PDB file of N, CA and C in Angstrom:
ATOM      1  N   MET A   1      27.489 -27.679 -11.297  1.00  0.00           N
ATOM      2  CA  MET A   1      26.806 -28.159 -12.463  1.00  0.00           C
ATOM      3  C   MET A   1      26.265 -26.959 -13.221  1.00  0.00           C
ATOM      4  N   SER A   2      26.510 -26.907 -14.478  1.00  0.00           N
ATOM      5  CA  SER A   2      25.971 -25.838 -15.313  1.00  0.00           C
ATOM      6  C   SER A   2      24.831 -26.403 -16.143  1.00  0.00           C
ATOM      7  N   MET A   3      23.626 -25.935 -15.879  1.00  0.00           N
ATOM      8  CA  MET A   3      22.472 -26.493 -16.576  1.00  0.00           C
ATOM      9  C   MET A   3      22.090 -25.673 -17.793  1.00  0.00           C
ATOM     10  N   GLY A   4      22.290 -24.365 -17.736  1.00  0.00           N
ATOM     11  CA  GLY A   4      21.992 -23.515 -18.874  1.00  0.00           C
ATOM     12  C   GLY A   4      20.533 -23.482 -19.281  1.00  0.00           C
ATOM     13  N   ARG A   5      19.641 -23.871 -18.424  1.00  0.00           N
ATOM     14  CA  ARG A   5      18.215 -23.886 -18.761  1.00  0.00           C
ATOM     15  C   ARG A   5      17.444 -23.234 -17.625  1.00  0.00           C
ATOM     16  N   PHE A   6      17.084 -21.992 -17.819  1.00  0.00           N
ATOM     17  CA  PHE A   6      16.411 -21.262 -16.750  1.00  0.00           C
ATOM     18  C   PHE A   6      15.034 -20.755 -17.162  1.00  0.00           C
ATOM     19  N   TRP A   7      14.502 -21.256 -18.274  1.00  0.00           N
ATOM     20  CA  TRP A   7      13.177 -20.844 -18.714  1.00  0.00           C
ATOM     21  C   TRP A   7      12.249 -22.041 -18.681  1.00  0.00           C
ATOM     22  N   TRP A   8      11.088 -21.852 -18.124  1.00  0.00           N
ATOM     23  CA  TRP A   8      10.138 -22.934 -17.936  1.00  0.00           C
ATOM     24  C   TRP A   8       8.755 -22.426 -18.301  1.00  0.00           C
ATOM     25  N   HIS A   9       8.191 -22.924 -19.362  1.00  0.00           N
ATOM     26  CA  HIS A   9       6.849 -22.521 -19.806  1.00  0.00           C
ATOM     27  C   HIS A   9       6.728 -20.998 -19.927  1.00  0.00           C
ATOM     28  N   GLY A  10       7.729 -20.385 -20.556  1.00  0.00           N
ATOM     29  CA  GLY A  10       7.667 -18.950 -20.816  1.00  0.00           C
ATOM     30  C   GLY A  10       8.093 -18.060 -19.673  1.00  0.00           C
ATOM     31  N   ARG A  11       8.621 -18.634 -18.598  1.00  0.00           N
ATOM     32  CA  ARG A  11       9.102 -17.818 -17.482  1.00  0.00           C
ATOM     33  C   ARG A  11      10.397 -18.423 -16.951  1.00  0.00           C
ATOM     34  N   ARG A  12      11.099 -17.661 -16.130  1.00  0.00           N
ATOM     35  CA  ARG A  12      12.354 -18.161 -15.555  1.00  0.00           C
ATOM     36  C   ARG A  12      12.076 -19.229 -14.508  1.00  0.00           C
ATOM     37  N   GLN A  13      13.012 -20.165 -14.355  1.00  0.00           N
ATOM     38  CA  GLN A  13      12.847 -21.253 -13.401  1.00  0.00           C
ATOM     39  C   GLN A  13      13.211 -20.824 -11.992  1.00  0.00           C
ATOM     40  N   THR A  14      12.588 -21.502 -11.038  1.00  0.00           N
ATOM     41  CA  THR A  14      12.959 -21.333  -9.640  1.00  0.00           C
ATOM     42  C   THR A  14      14.073 -22.321  -9.309  1.00  0.00           C
ATOM     43  N   VAL A  15      14.673 -22.145  -8.145  1.00  0.00           N
ATOM     44  CA  VAL A  15      15.696 -23.078  -7.682  1.00  0.00           C
ATOM     45  C   VAL A  15      15.115 -24.492  -7.629  1.00  0.00           C
ATOM     46  N   LYS A  16      13.922 -24.642  -7.061  1.00  0.00           N
ATOM     47  CA  LYS A  16      13.300 -25.963  -6.928  1.00  0.00           C
ATOM     48  C   LYS A  16      13.103 -26.629  -8.287  1.00  0.00           C
ATOM     49  N   GLU A  17      12.603 -25.891  -9.263  1.00  0.00           N
ATOM     50  CA  GLU A  17      12.386 -26.457 -10.594  1.00  0.00           C
ATOM     51  C   GLU A  17      13.701 -26.906 -11.227  1.00  0.00           C
ATOM     52  N   SER A  18      14.749 -26.127 -11.047  1.00  0.00           N
ATOM     53  CA  SER A  18      16.050 -26.471 -11.612  1.00  0.00           C
ATOM     54  C   SER A  18      16.635 -27.710 -10.950  1.00  0.00           C
ATOM     55  N   ILE A  19      16.474 -27.815  -9.620  1.00  0.00           N
ATOM     56  CA  ILE A  19      16.980 -28.979  -8.891  1.00  0.00           C
ATOM     57  C   ILE A  19      16.237 -30.241  -9.318  1.00  0.00           C
ATOM     58  N   GLU A  20      14.917 -30.136  -9.437  1.00  0.00           N
ATOM     59  CA  GLU A  20      14.137 -31.284  -9.876  1.00  0.00           C
ATOM     60  C   GLU A  20      14.517 -31.690 -11.297  1.00  0.00           C
ATOM     61  N   TYR A  21      14.743 -30.722 -12.172  1.00  0.00           N
ATOM     62  CA  TYR A  21      15.149 -31.000 -13.550  1.00  0.00           C
ATOM     63  C   TYR A  21      16.486 -31.740 -13.582  1.00  0.00           C
ATOM     64  N   ALA A  22      17.382 -31.410 -12.668  1.00  0.00           N
ATOM     65  CA  ALA A  22      18.696 -32.050 -12.608  1.00  0.00           C
ATOM     66  C   ALA A  22      18.621 -33.436 -11.968  1.00  0.00           C
ATOM     67  N   GLY A  23      17.481 -33.800 -11.392  1.00  0.00           N
ATOM     68  CA  GLY A  23      17.311 -35.116 -10.795  1.00  0.00           C
ATOM     69  C   GLY A  23      17.890 -35.246  -9.401  1.00  0.00           C
ATOM     70  N   ILE A  24      18.053 -34.130  -8.701  1.00  0.00           N
ATOM     71  CA  ILE A  24      18.597 -34.150  -7.338  1.00  0.00           C
ATOM     72  C   ILE A  24      17.448 -34.318  -6.352  1.00  0.00           C
ATOM     73  N   SER A  25      17.599 -35.262  -5.414  1.00  0.00           N
ATOM     74  CA  SER A  25      16.553 -35.545  -4.437  1.00  0.00           C
ATOM     75  C   SER A  25      16.477 -34.443  -3.378  1.00  0.00           C
ATOM     76  N   LEU A  26      15.265 -34.075  -3.037  1.00  0.00           N
ATOM     77  CA  LEU A  26      15.043 -33.091  -1.976  1.00  0.00           C
ATOM     78  C   LEU A  26      14.512 -33.767  -0.715  1.00  0.00           C
ATOM     79  N   ALA A  27      14.542 -35.099  -0.669  1.00  0.00           N
ATOM     80  CA  ALA A  27      13.941 -35.857   0.426  1.00  0.00           C
ATOM     81  C   ALA A  27      14.577 -35.554   1.780  1.00  0.00           C
ATOM     82  N   ASN A  28      15.867 -35.315   1.831  1.00  0.00           N
ATOM     83  CA  ASN A  28      16.549 -35.092   3.103  1.00  0.00           C
ATOM     84  C   ASN A  28      16.561 -33.641   3.530  1.00  0.00           C
ATOM     85  N   GLY A  29      15.971 -32.784   2.755  1.00  0.00           N
ATOM     86  CA  GLY A  29      16.010 -31.358   3.063  1.00  0.00           C
ATOM     87  C   GLY A  29      17.346 -30.782   2.642  1.00  0.00           C
ATOM     88  N   GLN A  30      17.339 -29.591   2.187  1.00  0.00           N
ATOM     89  CA  GLN A  30      18.547 -28.954   1.695  1.00  0.00           C
ATOM     90  C   GLN A  30      18.565 -27.504   2.157  1.00  0.00           C
ATOM     91  N   ILE A  31      19.762 -26.984   2.343  1.00  0.00           N
ATOM     92  CA  ILE A  31      19.950 -25.556   2.555  1.00  0.00           C
ATOM     93  C   ILE A  31      20.439 -25.014   1.222  1.00  0.00           C
ATOM     94  N   VAL A  32      19.817 -23.951   0.752  1.00  0.00           N
ATOM     95  CA  VAL A  32      20.052 -23.444  -0.601  1.00  0.00           C
ATOM     96  C   VAL A  32      20.838 -22.143  -0.565  1.00  0.00           C
ATOM     97  N   PHE A  33      21.793 -22.030  -1.475  1.00  0.00           N
ATOM     98  CA  PHE A  33      22.548 -20.797  -1.691  1.00  0.00           C
ATOM     99  C   PHE A  33      22.481 -20.434  -3.164  1.00  0.00           C
ATOM    100  N   VAL A  34      22.268 -19.169  -3.463  1.00  0.00           N
ATOM    101  CA  VAL A  34      22.364 -18.662  -4.832  1.00  0.00           C
ATOM    102  C   VAL A  34      23.401 -17.553  -4.810  1.00  0.00           C
ATOM    103  N   ASN A  35      24.446 -17.723  -5.587  1.00  0.00           N
ATOM    104  CA  ASN A  35      25.563 -16.769  -5.618  1.00  0.00           C
ATOM    105  C   ASN A  35      26.150 -16.542  -4.227  1.00  0.00           C
ATOM    106  N   ASN A  36      26.316 -17.649  -3.484  1.00  0.00           N
ATOM    107  CA  ASN A  36      26.925 -17.652  -2.147  1.00  0.00           C
ATOM    108  C   ASN A  36      26.120 -16.922  -1.086  1.00  0.00           C
ATOM    109  N   ARG A  37      24.838 -16.741  -1.317  1.00  0.00           N
ATOM    110  CA  ARG A  37      23.953 -16.115  -0.321  1.00  0.00           C
ATOM    111  C   ARG A  37      22.781 -17.040  -0.066  1.00  0.00           C
ATOM    112  N   GLY A  38      22.316 -17.063   1.172  1.00  0.00           N
ATOM    113  CA  GLY A  38      21.171 -17.895   1.514  1.00  0.00           C
ATOM    114  C   GLY A  38      19.972 -17.568   0.641  1.00  0.00           C
ATOM    115  N   ALA A  39      19.262 -18.599   0.218  1.00  0.00           N
ATOM    116  CA  ALA A  39      18.109 -18.414  -0.668  1.00  0.00           C
ATOM    117  C   ALA A  39      17.060 -19.460  -0.319  1.00  0.00           C
ATOM    118  N   SER A  40      15.941 -19.396  -1.010  1.00  0.00           N
ATOM    119  CA  SER A  40      14.876 -20.376  -0.813  1.00  0.00           C
ATOM    120  C   SER A  40      14.639 -21.126  -2.121  1.00  0.00           C
ATOM    121  N   PHE A  41      13.852 -22.178  -2.040  1.00  0.00           N
ATOM    122  CA  PHE A  41      13.519 -22.942  -3.240  1.00  0.00           C
ATOM    123  C   PHE A  41      12.686 -22.115  -4.214  1.00  0.00           C
ATOM    124  N   ALA A  42      12.034 -21.062  -3.740  1.00  0.00           N
ATOM    125  CA  ALA A  42      11.199 -20.224  -4.595  1.00  0.00           C
ATOM    126  C   ALA A  42      11.983 -19.118  -5.300  1.00  0.00           C
ATOM    127  N   THR A  43      13.280 -18.992  -5.021  1.00  0.00           N
ATOM    128  CA  THR A  43      14.102 -17.960  -5.653  1.00  0.00           C
ATOM    129  C   THR A  43      14.132 -18.174  -7.161  1.00  0.00           C
ATOM    130  N   VAL A  44      13.864 -17.108  -7.911  1.00  0.00           N
ATOM    131  CA  VAL A  44      13.893 -17.172  -9.371  1.00  0.00           C
ATOM    132  C   VAL A  44      15.320 -16.939  -9.846  1.00  0.00           C
ATOM    133  N   LEU A  45      15.795 -17.820 -10.728  1.00  0.00           N
ATOM    134  CA  LEU A  45      17.177 -17.759 -11.189  1.00  0.00           C
ATOM    135  C   LEU A  45      17.330 -16.848 -12.397  1.00  0.00           C
ATOM    136  N   ASN A  46      18.480 -16.204 -12.455  1.00  0.00           N
ATOM    137  CA  ASN A  46      18.868 -15.376 -13.593  1.00  0.00           C
ATOM    138  C   ASN A  46      20.033 -16.043 -14.306  1.00  0.00           C
ATOM    139  N   TYR A  47      20.276 -15.644 -15.536  1.00  0.00           N
ATOM    140  CA  TYR A  47      21.386 -16.202 -16.297  1.00  0.00           C
ATOM    141  C   TYR A  47      22.693 -15.984 -15.536  1.00  0.00           C
ATOM    142  N   GLY A  48      23.486 -17.038 -15.369  1.00  0.00           N
ATOM    143  CA  GLY A  48      24.774 -16.937 -14.712  1.00  0.00           C
ATOM    144  C   GLY A  48      24.750 -17.174 -13.220  1.00  0.00           C
ATOM    145  N   ASP A  49      23.559 -17.332 -12.613  1.00  0.00           N
ATOM    146  CA  ASP A  49      23.476 -17.605 -11.180  1.00  0.00           C
ATOM    147  C   ASP A  49      24.112 -18.951 -10.864  1.00  0.00           C
ATOM    148  N   ARG A  50      24.731 -19.032  -9.693  1.00  0.00           N
ATOM    149  CA  ARG A  50      25.326 -20.281  -9.217  1.00  0.00           C
ATOM    150  C   ARG A  50      24.519 -20.765  -8.028  1.00  0.00           C
ATOM    151  N   VAL A  51      24.095 -22.013  -8.082  1.00  0.00           N
ATOM    152  CA  VAL A  51      23.266 -22.601  -7.033  1.00  0.00           C
ATOM    153  C   VAL A  51      24.100 -23.600  -6.250  1.00  0.00           C
ATOM    154  N   GLY A  52      24.057 -23.483  -4.925  1.00  0.00           N
ATOM    155  CA  GLY A  52      24.740 -24.423  -4.050  1.00  0.00           C
ATOM    156  C   GLY A  52      23.737 -25.069  -3.116  1.00  0.00           C
ATOM    157  N   LEU A  53      23.956 -26.358  -2.821  1.00  0.00           N
ATOM    158  CA  LEU A  53      23.089 -27.094  -1.911  1.00  0.00           C
ATOM    159  C   LEU A  53      23.942 -27.771  -0.852  1.00  0.00           C
ATOM    160  N   THR A  54      23.438 -27.817   0.349  1.00  0.00           N
ATOM    161  CA  THR A  54      24.084 -28.570   1.413  1.00  0.00           C
ATOM    162  C   THR A  54      22.983 -29.257   2.208  1.00  0.00           C
ATOM    163  N   PRO A  55      23.199 -30.479   2.665  1.00  0.00           N
ATOM    164  CA  PRO A  55      22.154 -31.157   3.438  1.00  0.00           C
ATOM    165  C   PRO A  55      21.891 -30.438   4.757  1.00  0.00           C
ATOM    166  N   ALA A  56      20.638 -30.429   5.149  1.00  0.00           N
ATOM    167  CA  ALA A  56      20.279 -29.857   6.442  1.00  0.00           C
ATOM    168  C   ALA A  56      20.767 -30.805   7.536  1.00  0.00           C
ATOM    169  N   VAL A  57      21.396 -30.263   8.560  1.00  0.00           N
ATOM    170  CA  VAL A  57      21.928 -31.070   9.653  1.00  0.00           C
ATOM    171  C   VAL A  57      20.918 -31.060  10.788  1.00  0.00           C
ATOM    172  N   GLY A  58      20.522 -32.236  11.239  1.00  0.00           N
ATOM    173  CA  GLY A  58      19.490 -32.340  12.265  1.00  0.00           C
ATOM    174  C   GLY A  58      19.923 -31.869  13.634  1.00  0.00           C
ATOM    175  N   ALA A  59      21.171 -32.114  14.012  1.00  0.00           N
ATOM    176  CA  ALA A  59      21.614 -31.809  15.367  1.00  0.00           C
ATOM    177  C   ALA A  59      21.962 -30.340  15.555  1.00  0.00           C
ATOM    178  N   GLY A  60      22.326 -29.680  14.502  1.00  0.00           N
ATOM    179  CA  GLY A  60      22.731 -28.277  14.618  1.00  0.00           C
ATOM    180  C   GLY A  60      24.044 -28.153  15.358  1.00  0.00           C
ATOM    181  N   MET A  61      24.324 -26.985  15.875  1.00  0.00           N
ATOM    182  CA  MET A  61      25.573 -26.769  16.605  1.00  0.00           C
ATOM    183  C   MET A  61      25.400 -27.169  18.052  1.00  0.00           C
ATOM    184  N   ARG A  62      26.431 -27.784  18.596  1.00  0.00           N
ATOM    185  CA  ARG A  62      26.414 -28.161  20.004  1.00  0.00           C
ATOM    186  C   ARG A  62      27.628 -27.564  20.670  1.00  0.00           C
ATOM    187  N   PHE A  63      27.428 -27.077  21.878  1.00  0.00           N
ATOM    188  CA  PHE A  63      28.507 -26.484  22.650  1.00  0.00           C
ATOM    189  C   PHE A  63      28.769 -27.358  23.869  1.00  0.00           C
ATOM    190  N   PHE A  64      30.034 -27.593  24.146  1.00  0.00           N
ATOM    191  CA  PHE A  64      30.411 -28.449  25.273  1.00  0.00           C
ATOM    192  C   PHE A  64      31.191 -27.608  26.282  1.00  0.00           C
ATOM    193  N   GLU A  65      30.956 -27.905  27.561  1.00  0.00           N
ATOM    194  CA  GLU A  65      31.687 -27.233  28.623  1.00  0.00           C
ATOM    195  C   GLU A  65      32.588 -28.240  29.306  1.00  0.00           C
ATOM    196  N   ASP A  66      33.730 -27.756  29.779  1.00  0.00           N
ATOM    197  CA  ASP A  66      34.637 -28.625  30.541  1.00  0.00           C
ATOM    198  C   ASP A  66      33.990 -28.952  31.893  1.00  0.00           C
ATOM    199  N   GLY A  67      34.232 -30.178  32.347  1.00  0.00           N
ATOM    200  CA  GLY A  67      33.776 -30.507  33.692  1.00  0.00           C
ATOM    201  C   GLY A  67      32.742 -31.470  33.725  1.00  0.00           C
TER     202      GLY A  67
END
């Protein structure tokens, strides 16, 4: 999604502000990426940044052994 709006009350928007502006729910928790690198909701966006979100997985990785 290209929002093209990264200024909020005279300053650049954070990831969280941009997500809320787009109407995306944060209720389930999200893992955030900016330009394909791990980031936080407090990361300040620059022009041209790409934001990616993925739901947080509760179980995490599980390893199974034979037997």
